[in-house]
Amino acid sequence: MAMTRTIELRAEIPGPRSREILERKERVVAEPLSVFLPVVVEEARGATLTDVDGNTFIDFTGGVGCLNVGHSNPQVVAAAQEQLSRFSHTDFT
């Protein structure tokens, strides 16, 4: 679970599941952007990220413009779900 107040490492970085996913990504996904942190995030809550290997990190990479209320903020999630239940592809029309 990503709601923790400490960093918790359960595997080396990158962990075995992250390595497996990243190796597959190298084979099958175009490379428009570089990966600077070789982990695969499974869950994010507040200011923390938890990877597929169970390691939890403080997210210092998220932008203040898009994460000023943290990851998975309940009010933001509820508002998004409410909008998506009405209309999901607005395309400004």
C-alpha atoms as a PDB file:
ATOM      1  CA  MET A   1       0.000   0.000   0.000  1.00  0.00           C
ATOM      2  CA  ALA A   2       1.353   3.404  -0.930  1.00  0.00           C
ATOM      3  CA  MET A   3       0.069   5.376   2.098  1.00  0.00           C
ATOM      4  CA  THR A   4       3.165   5.305   4.258  1.00  0.00           C
ATOM      5  CA  ARG A   5       5.330   7.950   5.846  1.00  0.00           C
ATOM      6  CA  THR A   6       8.637   6.212   5.182  1.00  0.00           C
ATOM      7  CA  ILE A   7      10.494   4.738   2.268  1.00  0.00           C
ATOM      8  CA  GLU A   8      10.179   0.963   2.334  1.00  0.00           C
ATOM      9  CA  LEU A   9      12.431  -1.162   0.145  1.00  0.00           C
ATOM     10  CA  ARG A  10      11.514  -4.818  -0.244  1.00  0.00           C
ATOM     11  CA  ALA A  11      13.683  -5.598  -3.275  1.00  0.00           C
ATOM     12  CA  GLU A  12      16.720  -4.209  -5.064  1.00  0.00           C
ATOM     13  CA  ILE A  13      16.176  -1.345  -7.513  1.00  0.00           C
ATOM     14  CA  PRO A  14      15.049  -2.234 -10.068  1.00  0.00           C
ATOM     15  CA  GLY A  15      13.381  -5.271  -8.546  1.00  0.00           C
ATOM     16  CA  PRO A  16      12.806  -8.533 -10.402  1.00  0.00           C
ATOM     17  CA  ARG A  17       9.261  -7.729 -11.565  1.00  0.00           C
ATOM     18  CA  SER A  18      10.282  -4.204 -12.624  1.00  0.00           C
ATOM     19  CA  ARG A  19      13.243  -5.608 -14.612  1.00  0.00           C
ATOM     20  CA  GLU A  20      10.992  -8.141 -16.333  1.00  0.00           C
ATOM     21  CA  ILE A  21       8.455  -5.480 -17.349  1.00  0.00           C
ATOM     22  CA  LEU A  22      11.124  -2.976 -18.428  1.00  0.00           C
ATOM     23  CA  GLU A  23      12.921  -5.627 -20.523  1.00  0.00           C
ATOM     24  CA  ARG A  24       9.644  -6.403 -22.301  1.00  0.00           C
ATOM     25  CA  LYS A  25       9.003  -2.669 -22.770  1.00  0.00           C
ATOM     26  CA  GLU A  26      12.392  -2.332 -24.500  1.00  0.00           C
ATOM     27  CA  ARG A  27      11.347  -5.028 -26.991  1.00  0.00           C
ATOM     28  CA  VAL A  28       7.791  -3.916 -27.788  1.00  0.00           C
ATOM     29  CA  VAL A  29       7.332  -0.176 -27.092  1.00  0.00           C
ATOM     30  CA  ALA A  30       8.661   2.754 -29.136  1.00  0.00           C
ATOM     31  CA  GLU A  31      11.124   4.918 -27.207  1.00  0.00           C
ATOM     32  CA  PRO A  32       9.886   8.535 -27.366  1.00  0.00           C
ATOM     33  CA  LEU A  33      10.996   9.237 -23.791  1.00  0.00           C
ATOM     34  CA  SER A  34      13.792   7.950 -21.613  1.00  0.00           C
ATOM     35  CA  VAL A  35      13.150   6.135 -18.342  1.00  0.00           C
ATOM     36  CA  PHE A  36      15.183   7.727 -15.552  1.00  0.00           C
ATOM     37  CA  LEU A  37      13.978   5.577 -12.657  1.00  0.00           C
ATOM     38  CA  PRO A  38      13.998   1.889 -13.579  1.00  0.00           C
ATOM     39  CA  VAL A  39      10.899   0.880 -11.634  1.00  0.00           C
ATOM     40  CA  VAL A  40       7.332   0.070 -12.640  1.00  0.00           C
ATOM     41  CA  VAL A  41       4.764   1.823 -10.458  1.00  0.00           C
ATOM     42  CA  GLU A  42       1.781  -0.273  -9.404  1.00  0.00           C
ATOM     43  CA  GLU A  43       0.053   2.207  -7.078  1.00  0.00           C
ATOM     44  CA  ALA A  44       0.335   5.843  -6.055  1.00  0.00           C
ATOM     45  CA  ARG A  45      -1.309   7.571  -3.087  1.00  0.00           C
ATOM     46  CA  GLY A  46      -0.610  11.027  -1.755  1.00  0.00           C
ATOM     47  CA  ALA A  47       3.113  11.697  -2.137  1.00  0.00           C
ATOM     48  CA  THR A  48       4.215   8.054  -2.431  1.00  0.00           C
ATOM     49  CA  LEU A  49       4.653   5.481  -5.185  1.00  0.00           C
ATOM     50  CA  THR A  50       4.732   1.704  -4.713  1.00  0.00           C
ATOM     51  CA  ASP A  51       6.334  -0.404  -7.436  1.00  0.00           C
ATOM     52  CA  VAL A  52       5.446  -3.899  -8.638  1.00  0.00           C
ATOM     53  CA  ASP A  53       8.112  -5.303  -6.313  1.00  0.00           C
ATOM     54  CA  GLY A  54       6.574  -3.752  -3.180  1.00  0.00           C
ATOM     55  CA  ASN A  55       9.110  -0.920  -2.788  1.00  0.00           C
ATOM     56  CA  THR A  56       7.609   2.401  -1.657  1.00  0.00           C
ATOM     57  CA  PHE A  57       9.176   5.738  -2.596  1.00  0.00           C
ATOM     58  CA  ILE A  58       8.459   9.406  -2.026  1.00  0.00           C
ATOM     59  CA  ASP A  59       7.469  10.848  -5.418  1.00  0.00           C
ATOM     60  CA  PHE A  60       9.873  13.670  -6.182  1.00  0.00           C
ATOM     61  CA  THR A  61       9.203  13.452  -9.942  1.00  0.00           C
ATOM     62  CA  GLY A  62       5.520  14.418 -10.134  1.00  0.00           C
ATOM     63  CA  GLY A  63       4.829  17.937 -11.332  1.00  0.00           C
ATOM     64  CA  VAL A  64       3.254  20.496  -9.010  1.00  0.00           C
ATOM     65  CA  GLY A  65       0.840  21.489 -11.759  1.00  0.00           C
ATOM     66  CA  CYS A  66      -0.641  18.023 -12.157  1.00  0.00           C
ATOM     67  CA  LEU A  67      -0.045  16.564  -8.674  1.00  0.00           C
ATOM     68  CA  ASN A  68      -0.628  19.484  -6.336  1.00  0.00           C
ATOM     69  CA  VAL A  69      -3.220  17.422  -4.415  1.00  0.00           C
ATOM     70  CA  GLY A  70      -1.214  14.186  -4.532  1.00  0.00           C
ATOM     71  CA  HIS A  71      -1.879  10.887  -6.250  1.00  0.00           C
ATOM     72  CA  SER A  72      -5.356   9.331  -6.057  1.00  0.00           C
ATOM     73  CA  ASN A  73      -6.882  12.204  -4.083  1.00  0.00           C
ATOM     74  CA  PRO A  74     -10.388  10.953  -3.155  1.00  0.00           C
ATOM     75  CA  GLN A  75     -12.112  14.203  -4.206  1.00  0.00           C
ATOM     76  CA  VAL A  76     -10.348  14.276  -7.571  1.00  0.00           C
ATOM     77  CA  VAL A  77     -11.066  10.571  -8.175  1.00  0.00           C
ATOM     78  CA  ALA A  78     -14.766  11.091  -7.327  1.00  0.00           C
ATOM     79  CA  ALA A  79     -15.029  14.110  -9.651  1.00  0.00           C
ATOM     80  CA  ALA A  80     -13.330  12.218 -12.497  1.00  0.00           C
ATOM     81  CA  GLN A  81     -15.581   9.176 -12.018  1.00  0.00           C
ATOM     82  CA  GLU A  82     -18.677  11.389 -12.000  1.00  0.00           C
ATOM     83  CA  GLN A  83     -17.631  13.123 -15.227  1.00  0.00           C
ATOM     84  CA  LEU A  84     -16.640   9.855 -16.914  1.00  0.00           C
ATOM     85  CA  SER A  85     -20.039   8.357 -16.097  1.00  0.00           C
ATOM     86  CA  ARG A  86     -21.638  11.186 -18.122  1.00  0.00           C
ATOM     87  CA  PHE A  87     -19.231  11.815 -21.002  1.00  0.00           C
ATOM     88  CA  SER A  88     -15.659  10.665 -21.426  1.00  0.00           C
ATOM     89  CA  HIS A  89     -14.476  11.950 -24.818  1.00  0.00           C
ATOM     90  CA  THR A  90     -15.143  15.656 -24.840  1.00  0.00           C
ATOM     91  CA  ASP A  91     -12.687  16.786 -27.534  1.00  0.00           C
ATOM     92  CA  PHE A  92     -13.980  20.302 -26.785  1.00  0.00           C
ATOM     93  CA  THR A  93     -17.160  19.746 -28.819  1.00  0.00           C
END
